[in-house]
Amino acid sequence: MRLLLVVAAALIDADSRVLIAQRPEGKQLAGLWEFPGGKLHEGERPEAALIRELHEELGIEVEEACLAPLTFASHAYPDFHLLMPLYVCRRWRGQLMSREAQALKWVRPHNLRDYPMPPADAPLIPALLDLLT
């Protein structure tokens, strides 16, 4: 089974809300909510990939020093195994905007389970609850 490494961020605002993004129509798992991030390019470090993805998806600039690893997900999908580290980020530059037609929502940590998520994202919620509540 092929291993797929992706990286995700829990962007946390001044009110301790977490940003989630809804996968747009036409993408695999469309309609589900997830933490922003994406796939690593060959030879790319996870932090560099996350900085790139946050800029591409949301138009923000993040410094590597502002990314703190929190936990990770390991999930077997039918045709690949996904490994996804989750970083916490509380500081960025720029105005957050949807650049890839995805809906964005700021959610209180205790409400994250109200949003249907891909199987790999949902197990990340308890670590965020421990951190923010």
C-alpha atoms as a PDB file:
ATOM      1  CA  MET A   1       0.000   0.000   0.000  1.00  0.00           C
ATOM      2  CA  ARG A   2       1.336   3.418  -0.939  1.00  0.00           C
ATOM      3  CA  LEU A   3       2.091   5.899   1.870  1.00  0.00           C
ATOM      4  CA  LEU A   4       0.842   9.453   1.347  1.00  0.00           C
ATOM      5  CA  LEU A   5       2.276  12.199   3.532  1.00  0.00           C
ATOM      6  CA  VAL A   6       0.163  15.325   3.898  1.00  0.00           C
ATOM      7  CA  VAL A   7       0.417  18.137   6.412  1.00  0.00           C
ATOM      8  CA  ALA A   8      -2.316  20.183   8.099  1.00  0.00           C
ATOM      9  CA  ALA A   9      -2.656  23.267  10.277  1.00  0.00           C
ATOM     10  CA  ALA A  10      -4.992  24.207  13.074  1.00  0.00           C
ATOM     11  CA  LEU A  11      -5.076  27.968  12.596  1.00  0.00           C
ATOM     12  CA  ILE A  12      -6.257  29.461  15.887  1.00  0.00           C
ATOM     13  CA  ASP A  13      -7.543  33.030  16.158  1.00  0.00           C
ATOM     14  CA  ALA A  14      -7.503  35.410  19.156  1.00  0.00           C
ATOM     15  CA  ASP A  15     -10.878  33.983  20.322  1.00  0.00           C
ATOM     16  CA  SER A  16      -9.454  30.408  20.357  1.00  0.00           C
ATOM     17  CA  ARG A  17     -11.525  29.406  17.337  1.00  0.00           C
ATOM     18  CA  VAL A  18     -10.115  26.962  14.788  1.00  0.00           C
ATOM     19  CA  LEU A  19     -10.326  27.449  11.021  1.00  0.00           C
ATOM     20  CA  ILE A  20     -11.754  24.604   8.958  1.00  0.00           C
ATOM     21  CA  ALA A  21     -12.213  24.452   5.196  1.00  0.00           C
ATOM     22  CA  GLN A  22     -14.865  22.593   3.216  1.00  0.00           C
ATOM     23  CA  ARG A  23     -13.596  20.455   0.349  1.00  0.00           C
ATOM     24  CA  PRO A  24     -15.052  21.898  -2.873  1.00  0.00           C
ATOM     25  CA  GLU A  25     -17.188  20.038  -5.392  1.00  0.00           C
ATOM     26  CA  GLY A  26     -15.180  17.941  -7.824  1.00  0.00           C
ATOM     27  CA  LYS A  27     -12.536  16.943  -5.270  1.00  0.00           C
ATOM     28  CA  GLN A  28     -12.375  13.612  -3.486  1.00  0.00           C
ATOM     29  CA  LEU A  29     -14.409  13.772  -0.230  1.00  0.00           C
ATOM     30  CA  ALA A  30     -16.190  16.933  -1.469  1.00  0.00           C
ATOM     31  CA  GLY A  31     -18.372  18.625   1.114  1.00  0.00           C
ATOM     32  CA  LEU A  32     -16.415  17.381   4.118  1.00  0.00           C
ATOM     33  CA  TRP A  33     -14.637  19.825   6.427  1.00  0.00           C
ATOM     34  CA  GLU A  34     -10.898  19.606   7.071  1.00  0.00           C
ATOM     35  CA  PHE A  35      -7.932  21.418   8.503  1.00  0.00           C
ATOM     36  CA  PRO A  36      -6.100  23.433   5.821  1.00  0.00           C
ATOM     37  CA  GLY A  37      -2.953  21.915   4.337  1.00  0.00           C
ATOM     38  CA  GLY A  38      -1.983  19.499   1.625  1.00  0.00           C
ATOM     39  CA  LYS A  39       0.469  17.114   0.020  1.00  0.00           C
ATOM     40  CA  LEU A  40       4.220  17.422   0.202  1.00  0.00           C
ATOM     41  CA  HIS A  41       6.183  17.808  -3.000  1.00  0.00           C
ATOM     42  CA  GLU A  42       9.095  15.428  -3.499  1.00  0.00           C
ATOM     43  CA  GLY A  43      11.986  16.414  -1.227  1.00  0.00           C
ATOM     44  CA  GLU A  44       9.896  19.022   0.626  1.00  0.00           C
ATOM     45  CA  ARG A  45       9.953  19.241   4.415  1.00  0.00           C
ATOM     46  CA  PRO A  46       6.540  19.187   6.180  1.00  0.00           C
ATOM     47  CA  GLU A  47       6.909  22.726   7.535  1.00  0.00           C
ATOM     48  CA  ALA A  48       7.859  24.127   4.124  1.00  0.00           C
ATOM     49  CA  ALA A  49       4.920  22.301   2.524  1.00  0.00           C
ATOM     50  CA  LEU A  50       2.513  23.705   5.086  1.00  0.00           C
ATOM     51  CA  ILE A  51       3.803  27.260   4.611  1.00  0.00           C
ATOM     52  CA  ARG A  52       3.389  26.848   0.837  1.00  0.00           C
ATOM     53  CA  GLU A  53      -0.080  25.299   1.119  1.00  0.00           C
ATOM     54  CA  LEU A  54      -1.373  27.986   3.506  1.00  0.00           C
ATOM     55  CA  HIS A  55      -0.227  30.659   1.080  1.00  0.00           C
ATOM     56  CA  GLU A  56      -1.748  28.869  -1.938  1.00  0.00           C
ATOM     57  CA  GLU A  57      -5.064  28.030  -0.237  1.00  0.00           C
ATOM     58  CA  LEU A  58      -5.592  30.989   2.080  1.00  0.00           C
ATOM     59  CA  GLY A  59      -3.283  33.775   0.921  1.00  0.00           C
ATOM     60  CA  ILE A  60      -1.460  34.082   4.246  1.00  0.00           C
ATOM     61  CA  GLU A  61       2.234  34.171   5.094  1.00  0.00           C
ATOM     62  CA  VAL A  62       3.427  31.938   7.938  1.00  0.00           C
ATOM     63  CA  GLU A  63       6.892  31.755   9.485  1.00  0.00           C
ATOM     64  CA  GLU A  64       8.237  28.312  10.338  1.00  0.00           C
ATOM     65  CA  ALA A  65       8.822  29.429  13.947  1.00  0.00           C
ATOM     66  CA  CYS A  66       5.046  29.955  14.276  1.00  0.00           C
ATOM     67  CA  LEU A  67       4.258  26.283  13.501  1.00  0.00           C
ATOM     68  CA  ALA A  68       4.106  24.022  16.547  1.00  0.00           C
ATOM     69  CA  PRO A  69       3.588  20.266  15.999  1.00  0.00           C
ATOM     70  CA  LEU A  70       0.629  19.016  18.034  1.00  0.00           C
ATOM     71  CA  THR A  71      -0.294  15.484  16.936  1.00  0.00           C
ATOM     72  CA  PHE A  72      -0.681  13.325  13.834  1.00  0.00           C
ATOM     73  CA  ALA A  73      -3.193  11.083  12.115  1.00  0.00           C
ATOM     74  CA  SER A  74      -2.472   7.698  10.575  1.00  0.00           C
ATOM     75  CA  HIS A  75      -5.337   6.315   8.517  1.00  0.00           C
ATOM     76  CA  ALA A  76      -5.660   3.489   6.001  1.00  0.00           C
ATOM     77  CA  TYR A  77      -7.852   4.435   3.045  1.00  0.00           C
ATOM     78  CA  PRO A  78      -8.735   1.660   0.552  1.00  0.00           C
ATOM     79  CA  ASP A  79      -5.885   2.444  -1.883  1.00  0.00           C
ATOM     80  CA  PHE A  80      -3.312   4.318   0.257  1.00  0.00           C
ATOM     81  CA  HIS A  81      -2.236   4.965   3.822  1.00  0.00           C
ATOM     82  CA  LEU A  82      -2.308   8.588   4.935  1.00  0.00           C
ATOM     83  CA  LEU A  83       0.091  10.024   7.502  1.00  0.00           C
ATOM     84  CA  MET A  84      -0.763  13.604   8.506  1.00  0.00           C
ATOM     85  CA  PRO A  85       1.037  15.720  11.102  1.00  0.00           C
ATOM     86  CA  LEU A  86      -1.070  18.551  12.536  1.00  0.00           C
ATOM     87  CA  TYR A  87       0.619  21.825  13.442  1.00  0.00           C
ATOM     88  CA  VAL A  88      -0.861  24.639  15.511  1.00  0.00           C
ATOM     89  CA  CYS A  89      -0.448  28.167  14.181  1.00  0.00           C
ATOM     90  CA  ARG A  90      -1.585  31.294  16.038  1.00  0.00           C
ATOM     91  CA  ARG A  91       0.347  33.930  14.056  1.00  0.00           C
ATOM     92  CA  TRP A  92       0.311  34.766  10.347  1.00  0.00           C
ATOM     93  CA  ARG A  93       0.429  37.780   8.078  1.00  0.00           C
ATOM     94  CA  GLY A  94      -2.172  38.781   5.539  1.00  0.00           C
ATOM     95  CA  GLN A  95      -5.918  38.635   5.186  1.00  0.00           C
ATOM     96  CA  LEU A  96      -7.280  35.099   5.232  1.00  0.00           C
ATOM     97  CA  MET A  97      -9.293  34.331   2.079  1.00  0.00           C
ATOM     98  CA  SER A  98     -10.505  31.322   0.170  1.00  0.00           C
ATOM     99  CA  ARG A  99      -8.281  30.999  -2.911  1.00  0.00           C
ATOM    100  CA  GLU A 100      -9.425  27.528  -4.049  1.00  0.00           C
ATOM    101  CA  ALA A 101     -13.248  27.864  -3.931  1.00  0.00           C
ATOM    102  CA  GLN A 102     -13.461  26.233  -0.509  1.00  0.00           C
ATOM    103  CA  ALA A 103     -15.838  27.491   2.183  1.00  0.00           C
ATOM    104  CA  LEU A 104     -14.057  28.603   5.364  1.00  0.00           C
ATOM    105  CA  LYS A 105     -15.433  28.647   8.882  1.00  0.00           C
ATOM    106  CA  TRP A 106     -14.073  29.643  12.305  1.00  0.00           C
ATOM    107  CA  VAL A 107     -15.319  27.084  14.831  1.00  0.00           C
ATOM    108  CA  ARG A 108     -15.123  26.802  18.592  1.00  0.00           C
ATOM    109  CA  PRO A 109     -13.131  23.665  19.493  1.00  0.00           C
ATOM    110  CA  HIS A 110     -16.068  21.980  21.249  1.00  0.00           C
ATOM    111  CA  ASN A 111     -18.141  22.390  18.044  1.00  0.00           C
ATOM    112  CA  LEU A 112     -15.634  20.781  15.655  1.00  0.00           C
ATOM    113  CA  ARG A 113     -17.424  17.423  15.819  1.00  0.00           C
ATOM    114  CA  ASP A 114     -20.556  19.103  14.416  1.00  0.00           C
ATOM    115  CA  TYR A 115     -18.864  19.279  11.002  1.00  0.00           C
ATOM    116  CA  PRO A 116     -18.457  16.067   8.988  1.00  0.00           C
ATOM    117  CA  MET A 117     -14.748  15.454   8.374  1.00  0.00           C
ATOM    118  CA  PRO A 118     -12.672  12.926   6.441  1.00  0.00           C
ATOM    119  CA  PRO A 119     -11.753   9.869   8.522  1.00  0.00           C
ATOM    120  CA  ALA A 120      -8.163  11.085   8.961  1.00  0.00           C
ATOM    121  CA  ASP A 121      -9.116  14.554  10.280  1.00  0.00           C
ATOM    122  CA  ALA A 122     -11.666  13.620  12.957  1.00  0.00           C
ATOM    123  CA  PRO A 123      -9.132  11.855  15.268  1.00  0.00           C
ATOM    124  CA  LEU A 124      -7.165  15.134  15.498  1.00  0.00           C
ATOM    125  CA  ILE A 125      -9.980  16.880  17.383  1.00  0.00           C
ATOM    126  CA  PRO A 126      -9.247  15.496  20.900  1.00  0.00           C
ATOM    127  CA  ALA A 127      -5.725  16.960  20.884  1.00  0.00           C
ATOM    128  CA  LEU A 128      -7.142  20.358  19.941  1.00  0.00           C
ATOM    129  CA  LEU A 129      -9.759  20.111  22.675  1.00  0.00           C
ATOM    130  CA  ASP A 130      -7.039  19.286  25.219  1.00  0.00           C
ATOM    131  CA  LEU A 131      -5.013  22.281  24.046  1.00  0.00           C
ATOM    132  CA  LEU A 132      -7.822  24.841  23.855  1.00  0.00           C
ATOM    133  CA  THR A 133     -10.288  23.926  26.599  1.00  0.00           C
END
